Structures are given as structure tokens and as C-alpha cells.
Amino acid sequence: MAQSGEFPLPVEDSDPVTAAERWADRKAEQKWETARTVRDPDRWRTQSVRPNPTAVRVVERVWLEKAAWFRALGQALIAQRIEDGRPVPMTSRDPLADELTEMIEDEMRRNPPQDQNLPF
């Protein structure tokens, strides 16, 4: 037991699922950081951006009626724009929303999902 003022030593997690999840999280974090560092302008297309709760809220406000795959790509695009300090649409009537809608729909035409209602 740790004495007053000391922090307990971390216990190694022997659960293989948790260890695998931590490994996967570290790999995803490295992928996001590498893509962000090189400023890949198309990293949203491969979802190589860090998930962002603000992006989720923007997509819900701007494109709520769209299919799940569209919204997943939209979240990645908005997250990338936030990472890059670029503007994001505030409402569905924002002219920027139309421009980004075209980009997302173009990506969906080039790489159509098997089921547009699935977010992956």
C-alpha cells in the first residue's frame, strides 16, 4: 500500500483484451499524429483523423438527415478542418456546408460503401 503522499505503482494489466485494446489505441494515435503532422489534405477520406466530439455535434447539426456513411465521412472531414484550424459550417444553410457536401458525396461515389446506412 502506498504511504501518504505517494502514488500507488501501476499494476500491469494481464487481461489480453485490454492489452490488445491499448495496443490498438496506441497504433491509431500514431496513425492520426503522423497524418496530422504531414498535413495530408485527404486524411479524412481514410478516416486518419482523431475523433472529435465537436465534429460530431457539427455533423449532427448540419447533416443529421444524411446516411450513416455520409455522416462518418463528414465527422472525419470536420475533425480534420478543426485540427487544421479551418472553418466549419455552423448550419445546413451555411455556404460552406454545400461545398463540403460535394466533397463527401464525391468520396462516396469514388469509394462506395457496401451499405450506406452503416458508419464504416
Foldseek 3Di string as FASTA:
>chain_A
DDDPPDDDDDDDDPPVVVVVVVVVVVVLVVQLVVCLVVVPVCCLLVLSHDQDPVQLVQCCAQPVPFALQLSLSSRSNVRSCVSVVHDDDNHVPPPVVVVVSVVSVVSCVVPPDPDSNDND
